[in-house]
Protein backbone atom coordinates (compact mmCIF):
# COMPACT_ATOMS: atom_id res chain seq x y z
CA MET A 1 -69.01 177.13 -84.33
CA THR A 2 -73.02 177.85 -84.10
CA ASN A 3 -74.13 178.37 -81.01
CA VAL A 4 -77.75 177.42 -79.81
CA PRO A 5 -79.08 178.61 -76.58
CA LEU A 6 -82.56 176.45 -75.08
CA LEU A 7 -84.08 179.89 -75.67
CA ASP A 8 -83.31 182.98 -76.47
CA LEU A 9 -86.42 185.49 -75.91
CA LYS A 10 -84.63 188.45 -77.20
CA ALA A 11 -85.92 187.84 -80.70
CA GLN A 12 -89.11 187.33 -79.36
CA PHE A 13 -89.12 190.84 -77.59
CA ALA A 14 -87.97 192.56 -80.78
CA GLN A 15 -90.58 191.53 -82.67
CA ILE A 16 -93.14 192.83 -80.29
CA ARG A 17 -91.33 195.74 -78.74
CA ALA A 18 -92.99 198.23 -80.62
CA GLU A 19 -96.40 197.20 -79.36
CA VAL A 20 -95.48 196.45 -75.91
CA MET A 21 -93.79 199.35 -74.69
CA PRO A 22 -96.35 201.84 -75.16
CA LEU A 23 -99.12 199.82 -73.15
CA ILE A 24 -96.61 199.58 -70.18
CA GLU A 25 -96.08 203.68 -70.76
CA GLN A 26 -100.01 203.57 -70.79
CA VAL A 27 -100.10 201.60 -67.73
CA CYS A 28 -97.40 203.82 -65.86
CA THR A 29 -99.25 206.83 -66.90
CA THR A 30 -102.72 206.07 -65.72
CA GLN A 31 -100.68 204.37 -62.46
CA GLN A 32 -103.78 201.63 -62.50
CA PHE A 33 -101.64 199.00 -61.60
CA ILE A 34 -104.20 196.62 -59.90
CA LEU A 35 -106.93 194.67 -61.65
CA GLY A 36 -107.46 197.37 -64.44
CA GLU A 37 -108.70 197.58 -68.02
CA HIS A 38 -105.59 194.88 -68.98
CA VAL A 39 -106.69 192.33 -66.63
CA ARG A 40 -110.19 192.69 -67.76
CA GLY A 41 -109.34 192.55 -71.21
CA PHE A 42 -106.97 189.74 -70.93
CA GLU A 43 -109.23 187.33 -69.21
CA GLU A 44 -111.80 187.91 -71.73
CA GLU A 45 -109.39 187.50 -74.56
CA ILE A 46 -107.46 184.48 -73.22
CA ALA A 47 -110.95 182.77 -72.11
CA ARG A 48 -112.27 182.79 -75.63
CA TYR A 49 -108.72 181.37 -76.87
CA CYS A 50 -108.94 178.30 -74.38
CA GLY A 51 -112.83 177.47 -75.11
CA THR A 52 -114.02 178.61 -71.72
CA PRO A 53 -116.53 181.46 -70.42
CA PHE A 54 -114.49 182.43 -67.62
CA ALA A 55 -110.73 183.02 -66.81
CA VAL A 56 -109.18 184.31 -63.54
CA GLY A 57 -105.81 186.05 -64.13
CA VAL A 58 -103.50 185.45 -61.43
CA SER A 59 -99.81 185.80 -60.05
CA SER A 60 -98.12 182.75 -61.11
CA GLY A 61 -98.79 179.20 -62.38
CA THR A 62 -98.09 177.81 -58.74
CA ASP A 63 -100.99 180.16 -57.50
CA ALA A 64 -103.19 178.98 -59.92
CA LEU A 65 -103.18 175.72 -58.85
CA LEU A 66 -103.21 176.55 -55.10
CA LEU A 67 -106.59 178.96 -56.21
CA ALA A 68 -108.10 175.98 -58.05
CA LEU A 69 -107.58 173.56 -55.04
CA MET A 70 -108.61 176.43 -52.69
CA ALA A 71 -111.66 176.95 -54.64
CA LEU A 72 -112.74 173.00 -54.35
CA GLU A 73 -112.27 173.40 -50.80
CA ILE A 74 -109.45 170.78 -50.96
CA GLY A 75 -107.64 170.90 -47.56
CA ALA A 76 -106.86 168.28 -44.36
CA GLY A 77 -107.73 164.96 -44.71
CA ASP A 78 -108.36 165.03 -48.45
CA GLU A 79 -105.95 163.43 -50.96
CA VAL A 80 -105.35 164.29 -54.74
CA VAL A 81 -104.06 162.23 -57.36
CA THR A 82 -101.34 163.68 -59.44
CA SER A 83 -98.38 162.53 -61.45
CA PRO A 84 -94.80 162.28 -59.91
CA PHE A 85 -93.45 163.20 -63.04
CA THR A 86 -93.55 167.00 -63.20
CA PHE A 87 -92.62 170.45 -61.99
CA PHE A 88 -92.74 170.32 -58.02
CA ALA A 89 -95.49 173.09 -57.72
CA THR A 90 -98.06 170.27 -59.06
CA ALA A 91 -97.78 168.13 -55.50
CA GLY A 92 -96.51 171.06 -53.68
CA THR A 93 -99.78 172.87 -53.37
CA ILE A 94 -101.46 170.07 -52.61
CA ALA A 95 -99.11 169.41 -49.70
CA ARG A 96 -99.52 173.23 -48.81
CA LEU A 97 -103.15 172.98 -47.98
CA GLY A 98 -102.59 169.98 -45.72
CA ALA A 99 -103.98 167.81 -48.13
CA ARG A 100 -101.99 164.14 -49.41
CA PRO A 101 -100.57 163.96 -52.76
CA VAL A 102 -101.27 160.47 -54.36
CA PHE A 103 -99.12 159.37 -57.09
CA CYS A 104 -99.67 157.48 -60.02
CA ASP A 105 -97.34 156.21 -62.51
CA ILE A 106 -96.85 157.74 -66.57
CA ASP A 107 -97.33 156.58 -70.18
CA PRO A 108 -94.18 156.02 -71.31
CA ILE A 109 -95.07 157.64 -74.94
CA THR A 110 -96.73 160.94 -73.62
CA PHE A 111 -94.89 161.20 -70.16
CA ASN A 112 -98.46 161.99 -68.80
CA MET A 113 -100.44 160.10 -65.98
CA SER A 114 -101.76 157.09 -67.16
CA PRO A 115 -105.81 156.86 -66.75
CA SER A 116 -105.10 153.10 -66.29
CA ALA A 117 -102.66 153.92 -63.22
CA VAL A 118 -105.04 155.95 -61.59
CA GLN A 119 -108.12 153.16 -62.10
CA THR A 120 -105.63 150.51 -60.68
CA PHE A 121 -105.09 152.92 -57.51
CA ILE A 122 -108.82 153.26 -57.24
CA GLU A 123 -109.50 149.52 -57.31
CA ARG A 124 -106.62 148.19 -55.34
CA ASP A 125 -106.14 151.07 -52.59
CA CYS A 126 -109.69 152.54 -52.22
CA ILE A 127 -112.83 151.82 -50.78
CA ALA A 128 -116.31 153.85 -51.69
CA SER A 129 -118.62 154.92 -48.80
CA GLY A 130 -120.96 157.51 -47.85
CA ALA A 131 -118.18 159.60 -47.14
CA GLY A 132 -116.85 159.13 -50.67
CA LEU A 133 -113.65 157.10 -52.11
CA ILE A 134 -111.62 156.38 -49.01
CA ASN A 135 -107.84 155.42 -49.46
CA ARG A 136 -107.59 152.12 -47.38
CA ALA A 137 -103.88 152.84 -46.25
CA THR A 138 -104.70 156.35 -45.07
CA GLY A 139 -107.99 157.10 -44.38
CA GLY A 140 -107.93 159.79 -46.69
CA ARG A 141 -110.66 160.80 -48.63
CA VAL A 142 -109.70 160.73 -52.79
CA LYS A 143 -111.03 164.21 -53.63
CA ALA A 144 -109.75 165.44 -56.85
CA ILE A 145 -107.60 164.03 -59.72
CA MET A 146 -105.13 166.76 -61.18
CA PRO A 147 -103.64 165.43 -64.68
CA VAL A 148 -100.64 167.24 -66.30
CA HIS A 149 -100.59 168.18 -69.82
CA LEU A 150 -96.74 167.69 -70.00
CA TYR A 151 -94.35 169.60 -72.55
CA GLY A 152 -97.45 171.02 -74.05
CA GLN A 153 -99.52 167.43 -75.13
CA SER A 154 -102.61 166.81 -73.88
CA ALA A 155 -103.33 163.96 -70.98
CA ASP A 156 -105.67 161.19 -71.81
CA MET A 157 -108.74 163.57 -70.91
CA ASP A 158 -111.29 160.85 -71.74
CA GLY A 159 -110.12 158.60 -69.62
CA PHE A 160 -109.60 161.14 -66.49
CA MET A 161 -113.03 162.36 -67.15
CA GLU A 162 -114.71 158.94 -67.03
CA ILE A 163 -112.62 157.98 -63.66
CA ALA A 164 -113.99 161.33 -61.96
CA ARG A 165 -117.53 160.90 -63.10
CA ARG A 166 -117.52 157.10 -61.97
CA HIS A 167 -116.10 158.10 -58.33
CA GLY A 168 -117.32 161.73 -57.78
CA LEU A 169 -114.11 163.35 -58.47
CA LYS A 170 -113.32 166.81 -59.53
CA VAL A 171 -110.46 167.42 -61.85
CA VAL A 172 -108.00 170.01 -62.04
CA GLU A 173 -105.93 170.29 -65.39
CA ASP A 174 -102.71 171.28 -64.42
CA ALA A 175 -102.22 172.78 -68.09
CA ALA A 176 -99.16 175.17 -67.17
CA GLN A 177 -97.10 174.17 -70.19
CA ALA A 178 -100.32 173.84 -72.61
CA VAL A 179 -101.86 176.93 -73.28
CA GLY A 180 -103.38 176.31 -77.07
CA THR A 181 -103.24 172.46 -76.89
CA GLU A 182 -105.98 170.66 -77.81
CA TYR A 183 -106.95 167.52 -77.48
CA LYS A 184 -109.60 166.10 -79.58
CA HIS A 185 -111.76 167.74 -82.12
CA GLY A 186 -110.15 171.00 -81.35
CA VAL A 187 -111.06 171.00 -77.56
CA ARG A 188 -108.56 172.98 -75.90
CA VAL A 189 -107.01 172.01 -72.39
CA GLY A 190 -108.30 173.70 -69.56
CA SER A 191 -111.86 173.35 -70.79
CA ILE A 192 -112.35 169.86 -69.95
CA GLY A 193 -111.96 169.87 -66.55
CA ASP A 194 -113.42 171.55 -63.39
CA ILE A 195 -110.64 174.07 -63.64
CA GLY A 196 -107.57 174.61 -65.86
CA CYS A 197 -104.29 176.28 -64.38
CA PHE A 198 -101.96 177.79 -66.48
CA SER A 199 -98.64 179.40 -66.08
CA PHE A 200 -97.38 182.46 -67.98
CA PHE A 201 -93.66 182.29 -67.01
CA PRO A 202 -91.42 183.72 -69.45
CA SER A 203 -90.04 180.62 -70.92
CA LYS A 204 -93.77 179.51 -71.59
CA ASN A 205 -95.09 179.42 -75.35
CA LEU A 206 -97.51 182.67 -73.74
CA GLY A 207 -94.51 184.23 -71.47
CA ALA A 208 -95.08 187.25 -69.42
CA PHE A 209 -92.33 189.70 -68.13
CA GLY A 210 -92.21 188.00 -64.91
CA ASP A 211 -94.62 185.61 -63.09
CA ALA A 212 -98.46 185.45 -64.04
CA GLY A 213 -100.92 182.90 -64.46
CA LEU A 214 -104.60 182.00 -64.95
CA CYS A 215 -107.70 179.97 -63.86
CA THR A 216 -110.14 178.57 -66.52
CA THR A 217 -113.22 177.06 -65.67
CA LYS A 218 -116.71 176.85 -67.10
CA ASP A 219 -118.83 177.04 -63.81
CA PRO A 220 -119.97 180.67 -63.00
CA ASP A 221 -120.23 179.96 -59.56
CA LEU A 222 -116.19 178.34 -59.23
CA ALA A 223 -115.05 181.43 -61.16
CA GLU A 224 -117.10 183.78 -58.86
CA ARG A 225 -115.05 182.45 -55.87
CA MET A 226 -111.87 181.98 -57.37
CA ARG A 227 -112.06 185.99 -58.38
CA VAL A 228 -113.06 186.56 -54.13
CA LEU A 229 -110.68 184.16 -53.03
CA ARG A 230 -107.36 186.10 -55.24
CA VAL A 231 -108.22 189.01 -53.33
CA HIS A 232 -107.82 187.45 -49.73
CA GLY A 233 -111.39 186.14 -49.88
CA GLY A 234 -112.64 189.94 -49.40
CA LYS A 235 -116.34 190.88 -51.02
CA PRO A 236 -116.77 193.93 -50.79
CA LYS A 237 -113.44 194.96 -50.19
CA TYR A 238 -112.82 194.70 -46.01
CA PHE A 239 -115.60 192.02 -45.69
CA HIS A 240 -114.09 188.38 -45.75
CA ALA A 241 -116.50 185.49 -45.95
CA LEU A 242 -113.56 183.45 -47.00
CA ILE A 243 -110.09 183.02 -46.38
CA GLY A 244 -107.92 183.76 -49.60
CA GLY A 245 -104.55 185.25 -50.59
CA ASN A 246 -103.01 187.37 -52.77
CA PHE A 247 -103.60 185.65 -56.18
CA ARG A 248 -104.01 188.90 -58.40
CA ILE A 249 -102.15 189.00 -62.05
CA ASP A 250 -99.99 192.25 -62.47
CA GLU A 251 -101.77 194.83 -64.60
CA LEU A 252 -98.37 195.40 -66.55
CA GLN A 253 -98.15 191.80 -67.01
CA ALA A 254 -101.76 191.51 -67.89
CA ALA A 255 -101.09 194.33 -70.93
CA VAL A 256 -97.91 192.25 -71.94
CA LEU A 257 -99.83 189.26 -72.37
CA ARG A 258 -102.53 190.68 -74.37
CA VAL A 259 -100.21 191.72 -77.02
CA LYS A 260 -98.15 188.56 -77.03
CA LEU A 261 -101.36 186.63 -77.09
CA LYS A 262 -102.05 188.25 -81.00
CA TYR A 263 -98.82 186.21 -81.79
CA LEU A 264 -99.24 182.91 -80.02
CA ASP A 265 -100.40 180.90 -83.01
CA GLY A 266 -97.97 182.27 -85.15
CA TRP A 267 -95.27 181.20 -82.22
CA THR A 268 -96.66 177.63 -81.35
CA SER A 269 -97.03 177.00 -85.58
CA GLY A 270 -93.10 177.81 -85.40
CA ARG A 271 -92.52 175.52 -82.66
CA ARG A 272 -94.61 172.80 -84.43
CA ARG A 273 -92.65 173.31 -87.58
CA ASN A 274 -89.46 173.04 -85.61
CA ALA A 275 -90.39 170.08 -84.32
CA ALA A 276 -91.91 168.50 -87.64
CA TYR A 277 -87.96 169.38 -88.76
CA TYR A 278 -86.26 167.53 -85.65
CA ASP A 279 -88.67 164.21 -86.32
CA ARG A 280 -87.56 163.87 -90.42
CA ALA A 281 -83.79 164.90 -89.65
CA PHE A 282 -83.46 162.22 -86.68
CA SER A 283 -84.87 160.11 -88.77
CA ALA A 284 -82.75 160.69 -91.66
CA ALA A 285 -79.38 160.47 -89.16
CA ASP A 286 -80.70 156.72 -88.74
CA LEU A 287 -78.85 156.55 -85.62
CA GLY A 288 -80.45 152.90 -84.75
CA GLY A 289 -83.04 153.87 -82.20
CA ARG A 290 -80.50 155.68 -79.96
CA VAL A 291 -82.67 158.72 -80.09
CA ILE A 292 -86.36 158.33 -79.40
CA THR A 293 -88.20 161.42 -80.65
CA PRO A 294 -91.68 162.93 -78.99
CA GLN A 295 -95.04 161.22 -80.42
CA ALA A 296 -97.71 163.50 -81.10
CA ALA A 297 -101.39 161.67 -80.39
CA PRO A 298 -103.21 161.64 -83.52
CA GLY A 299 -105.71 164.28 -83.81
CA GLN A 300 -104.24 166.31 -80.94
CA ARG A 301 -102.29 169.53 -81.32
CA HIS A 302 -98.87 169.30 -79.53
CA ILE A 303 -97.60 173.14 -78.90
CA PHE A 304 -94.22 171.64 -78.15
CA ASN A 305 -93.39 173.90 -75.09
CA GLN A 306 -90.55 171.75 -74.72
CA TYR A 307 -89.37 169.05 -77.42
CA VAL A 308 -87.74 166.17 -75.27
CA VAL A 309 -85.81 163.04 -76.51
CA ARG A 310 -85.19 159.69 -74.65
CA VAL A 311 -81.66 158.49 -74.58
CA HIS A 312 -80.13 156.05 -72.59
CA GLU A 313 -76.67 158.22 -72.42
CA ARG A 314 -78.64 161.39 -71.53
CA ASP A 315 -76.00 162.93 -68.82
CA ALA A 316 -73.28 161.99 -71.45
CA LEU A 317 -75.28 163.65 -74.26
CA ARG A 318 -75.98 166.62 -72.34
CA LYS A 319 -72.06 167.28 -71.07
CA PHE A 320 -71.06 167.02 -74.84
CA LEU A 321 -73.76 169.12 -76.25
CA GLY A 322 -72.90 172.02 -73.70
CA GLU A 323 -69.25 171.46 -74.90
CA HIS A 324 -70.44 172.42 -78.17
CA GLY A 325 -72.58 174.94 -77.55
CA VAL A 326 -76.22 173.39 -77.75
CA GLY A 327 -78.19 174.42 -74.97
CA THR A 328 -80.28 171.63 -72.82
CA GLU A 329 -82.15 171.16 -70.31
CA ILE A 330 -83.42 168.06 -68.03
CA TYR A 331 -87.23 168.03 -67.20
CA TYR A 332 -87.20 166.82 -64.21
CA PRO A 333 -84.15 164.58 -62.88
CA VAL A 334 -86.18 163.54 -59.71
CA PRO A 335 -89.75 162.05 -59.67
CA LEU A 336 -91.52 164.00 -56.96
CA ASP A 337 -91.81 160.75 -54.66
CA ARG A 338 -88.16 160.58 -54.13
CA GLN A 339 -88.29 164.32 -53.24
CA GLU A 340 -86.83 164.43 -49.86
CA CYS A 341 -89.99 166.51 -48.72
CA PHE A 342 -92.35 163.91 -49.75
CA GLY A 343 -90.34 161.19 -47.98
CA TYR A 344 -93.71 160.92 -45.20
CA LEU A 345 -95.63 159.58 -47.99
CA GLY A 346 -94.09 156.35 -47.93
CA TYR A 347 -93.02 155.88 -51.52
CA GLY A 348 -89.69 153.37 -51.98
CA PRO A 349 -87.53 152.90 -54.87
CA GLY A 350 -89.34 151.52 -58.07
CA ALA A 351 -92.60 152.61 -57.09
CA PHE A 352 -93.11 154.49 -60.35
CA PRO A 353 -90.98 152.70 -62.87
CA GLU A 354 -91.56 154.49 -65.88
CA SER A 355 -91.39 158.12 -63.89
CA GLU A 356 -87.96 156.88 -62.69
CA ARG A 357 -86.76 155.51 -66.57
CA ALA A 358 -88.10 159.09 -67.63
CA ALA A 359 -86.14 161.42 -65.26
CA ALA A 360 -83.33 159.16 -66.13
CA GLU A 361 -83.27 159.21 -69.86
CA THR A 362 -85.30 162.54 -71.12
CA LEU A 363 -83.51 165.77 -72.41
CA ALA A 364 -85.20 168.96 -73.79
CA ILE A 365 -83.52 170.28 -76.85
CA PRO A 366 -83.79 174.10 -78.71
CA ILE A 367 -87.65 174.13 -80.04
CA TYR A 368 -88.30 177.89 -79.73
CA PRO A 369 -89.88 179.67 -83.06
CA GLU A 370 -87.05 181.78 -83.73
CA LEU A 371 -84.60 179.12 -84.47
CA THR A 372 -82.71 179.30 -88.07
CA GLU A 373 -82.89 175.96 -89.74
CA ASP A 374 -78.84 176.17 -89.56
CA GLN A 375 -79.41 176.39 -85.68
CA LEU A 376 -81.64 173.10 -86.09
CA GLY A 377 -79.14 171.47 -87.94
CA THR A 378 -76.30 172.07 -86.12
CA VAL A 379 -78.58 170.31 -83.28
CA VAL A 380 -79.28 167.15 -85.39
CA ALA A 381 -75.77 166.96 -86.18
CA ARG A 382 -74.25 167.50 -82.76
CA VAL A 383 -76.39 164.57 -81.22
CA ALA A 384 -75.98 162.58 -84.18
CA GLU A 385 -72.11 163.53 -83.90
CA TYR A 386 -71.95 162.09 -80.16
CA PHE A 387 -73.38 158.93 -81.08
CA THR A 388 -71.26 158.31 -84.35
CA THR A 389 -68.09 159.07 -82.21
CA SER A 390 -68.57 157.62 -79.03
């Protein structure tokens, strides 16, 4: 039986080992572990890659979101509109600052937050005043929109930027799963809103050897503010005009990421090639529409951080695949509005039906670039076997 893990990073490491290990040795030899030459070099290189003039390396994707919100002075009494169908950190960082997450439902095709849902919330629940856009129900000031580029596909940024312009809102792009994703005309995510936030968690397309993250921006003042905030708000050292945190990217991680960045487009091409294989193979399997494959928007570059199918018998299929050596994962089984810790927000069952349906029906299957054609064929065969025998 051919086993197909959800992710196998050992093959990737074998490809880069000869370049990475001498750099780790170099950092250890110099003992320059904090904000050294590799951090500066990585920030310059990744800024060019993302199409922004400024990049600020940080300690994780979660801290990137937190730092972005802090730089925009979002806190108690403020509200940030975001998706309920995403990783916890998206809304968790909003709440950690004393602000209130406001959820709007997703588009059922892309799984990204719908601009029309945001516009409906504003028209139905908000009022414009001299203090800004005020939520009638809570009295909070709606200050920002945080779209998520889920699974590696861009959200509808034209829609969000128009809403933000019309209502004077900031836009923070949660691009944790989307390094290298392109929206339209080759414009990369993280360069469109006020601040872009990336994660380099090991399982990402560009993964560190631990936690690391990044904020991007076109605004020099925001870039400088984030650099200061990531070192406890101190500039010069021991003099603090701001209250920040310890959000620095590690020098060792920056050294690793500099090597990996050179390979990123090749790895992304591998993921896109594997996605195209799945598209063709599932179509040829003729499963009667019981497996809905992801749809990439025309003119965009989907990087397939995940390849997520929609199936009505998701849990039973996942159990079957696991028993037959195929790794899968559910991203995400519980919408954020249904999490216990967000019960105080007052959303009830059915508040976001598309998010609830996605949470019940979506399943990620292996997509990493080192998959062989035999492994890809095994995944499709096992899925087809389930539906033809169940």
